[in-house]
Amino acid sequence: MTLIGTISKSRSQLENKLRNLLAKPVFLIEMDAFALPCGCNGATINTRGVQLDDLEVFEEHICKELEETSRSLDIEPSFLFARLIPGTAEIASLNSRLLCDRCYMDFARGEGKRPRPDIYILKFDRKE
């Protein structure tokens, strides 16, 4: 299967799983794999219909599905987070990232689920 085919299939499968889990219309309107100049790489999934309350209630299940989707794209899911639309409870995107050393240190200094107002951390694997 091509890279685009794999991304498309993963996006569709995750969308269906989230719809069934949350029992409401959820749309994953775009899924992108990326490699940043700093060294971070991963995937961003732009969402519609997912709220902060959904993450808080179903966090364990959403995290599991996002990890599975990441692995299907050969992305190590060591940092999973949601980006919120500022000033709302609407989730703009779900993200899976393997952090570079510099970005790892930026997040390692933070505490809790909300180190910034626009981020909700689902999973952060700390280095030993």
Protein backbone atom coordinates (compact mmCIF):
# COMPACT_ATOMS: atom_id res chain seq x y z
CA MET A 1 0.00 0.00 0.00
CA THR A 2 1.20 3.53 -0.73
CA LEU A 3 1.93 6.07 1.99
CA ILE A 4 -1.17 8.06 1.02
CA GLY A 5 -3.27 4.89 1.05
CA THR A 6 -2.02 4.00 4.53
CA ILE A 7 -2.74 7.50 5.86
CA SER A 8 -6.21 7.49 4.27
CA LYS A 9 -7.08 4.08 5.71
CA SER A 10 -5.78 5.04 9.17
CA ARG A 11 -7.76 8.31 9.15
CA SER A 12 -10.97 6.53 8.18
CA GLN A 13 -10.54 3.78 10.77
CA LEU A 14 -9.84 6.26 13.57
CA GLU A 15 -12.81 8.41 12.55
CA ASN A 16 -15.14 5.39 12.74
CA LYS A 17 -13.73 4.30 16.10
CA LEU A 18 -14.18 7.79 17.58
CA ARG A 19 -17.74 8.04 16.23
CA ASN A 20 -18.62 4.72 17.87
CA LEU A 21 -16.84 5.58 21.13
CA LEU A 22 -18.33 9.06 21.50
CA ALA A 23 -21.71 8.14 19.96
CA LYS A 24 -21.88 11.37 17.98
CA PRO A 25 -20.77 12.79 14.64
CA VAL A 26 -17.01 13.18 14.60
CA PHE A 27 -15.14 14.24 11.50
CA LEU A 28 -11.42 13.80 10.96
CA ILE A 29 -11.15 16.23 8.09
CA GLU A 30 -7.41 15.90 7.45
CA MET A 31 -4.54 13.71 8.55
CA ASP A 32 -0.96 14.74 7.86
CA ALA A 33 2.34 13.03 8.56
CA PHE A 34 5.22 15.45 9.11
CA ALA A 35 8.94 15.81 9.76
CA LEU A 36 9.95 19.17 11.22
CA PRO A 37 13.32 20.91 10.78
CA CYS A 38 13.96 20.67 14.53
CA GLY A 39 13.82 16.85 14.37
CA CYS A 40 10.29 16.22 15.62
CA ASN A 41 8.11 13.96 13.50
CA GLY A 42 4.62 12.58 13.74
CA ALA A 43 1.03 13.05 12.62
CA THR A 44 -1.63 15.73 13.02
CA ILE A 45 -5.31 14.90 12.63
CA ASN A 46 -7.62 17.91 12.22
CA THR A 47 -10.94 17.25 13.93
CA ARG A 48 -14.49 18.55 14.11
CA GLY A 49 -17.01 17.42 16.71
CA VAL A 50 -14.61 16.48 19.51
CA GLN A 51 -14.82 18.47 22.74
CA LEU A 52 -12.55 18.74 25.77
CA ASP A 53 -15.17 16.90 27.84
CA ASP A 54 -14.90 13.95 25.42
CA LEU A 55 -11.16 13.75 26.06
CA GLU A 56 -11.54 13.96 29.81
CA VAL A 57 -14.22 11.23 29.94
CA PHE A 58 -12.81 8.88 27.29
CA GLU A 59 -9.12 9.72 27.61
CA GLU A 60 -7.90 6.15 28.09
CA HIS A 61 -9.84 4.89 25.06
CA ILE A 62 -8.94 7.82 22.80
CA CYS A 63 -5.28 7.49 23.78
CA LYS A 64 -5.34 3.78 22.91
CA GLU A 65 -6.89 4.43 19.49
CA LEU A 66 -4.46 7.26 18.75
CA GLU A 67 -1.52 5.05 19.74
CA GLU A 68 -2.78 2.29 17.43
CA THR A 69 -3.21 4.75 14.56
CA SER A 70 0.29 6.14 15.15
CA ARG A 71 1.84 2.70 15.06
CA SER A 72 0.03 1.91 11.81
CA LEU A 73 1.98 4.86 10.34
CA ASP A 74 5.30 3.76 11.93
CA ILE A 75 5.19 6.71 14.33
CA GLU A 76 6.36 6.07 17.90
CA PRO A 77 3.49 7.49 19.99
CA SER A 78 5.59 8.88 22.84
CA PHE A 79 3.81 12.26 22.97
CA LEU A 80 0.06 12.41 22.31
CA PHE A 81 -1.86 15.63 22.70
CA ALA A 82 -4.88 17.58 21.56
CA ARG A 83 -4.75 21.16 20.40
CA LEU A 84 -7.74 23.26 21.45
CA ILE A 85 -9.22 26.21 19.63
CA PRO A 86 -8.26 29.10 21.95
CA GLY A 87 -11.06 30.25 24.23
CA THR A 88 -13.25 27.22 23.50
CA ALA A 89 -13.61 23.58 24.51
CA GLU A 90 -13.41 22.50 20.84
CA ILE A 91 -10.56 20.19 19.87
CA ALA A 92 -8.88 21.43 16.69
CA SER A 93 -6.54 18.46 16.26
CA LEU A 94 -5.22 15.26 17.75
CA ASN A 95 -1.47 14.87 17.50
CA SER A 96 1.09 12.12 17.81
CA ARG A 97 4.71 13.18 17.95
CA LEU A 98 8.17 11.86 18.54
CA LEU A 99 9.86 14.89 20.07
CA CYS A 100 13.37 16.10 19.25
CA ASP A 101 15.64 16.74 22.26
CA ARG A 102 14.97 20.51 22.34
CA CYS A 103 11.18 20.20 22.12
CA TYR A 104 11.24 17.36 24.64
CA MET A 105 12.90 19.68 27.16
CA ASP A 106 10.28 22.39 26.50
CA PHE A 107 7.47 19.99 27.41
CA ALA A 108 9.38 18.18 30.17
CA ARG A 109 9.54 21.47 32.11
CA GLY A 110 5.75 21.77 32.08
CA GLU A 111 3.38 20.14 34.53
CA GLY A 112 -0.10 18.65 34.34
CA LYS A 113 -2.44 18.01 31.44
CA ARG A 114 -2.57 21.66 30.34
CA PRO A 115 0.95 23.14 30.21
CA ARG A 116 -0.45 25.77 27.82
CA PRO A 117 -4.07 26.91 27.34
CA ASP A 118 -4.21 25.42 23.83
CA ILE A 119 -2.81 21.95 24.66
CA TYR A 120 -4.27 18.95 26.48
CA ILE A 121 -1.70 16.18 26.98
CA LEU A 122 -2.97 12.63 26.60
CA LYS A 123 0.41 10.90 26.96
CA PHE A 124 3.96 12.06 27.58
CA ASP A 125 6.68 9.42 27.92
CA ARG A 126 9.44 10.88 30.05
CA LYS A 127 13.03 9.85 29.39
CA GLU A 128 14.89 8.24 32.22
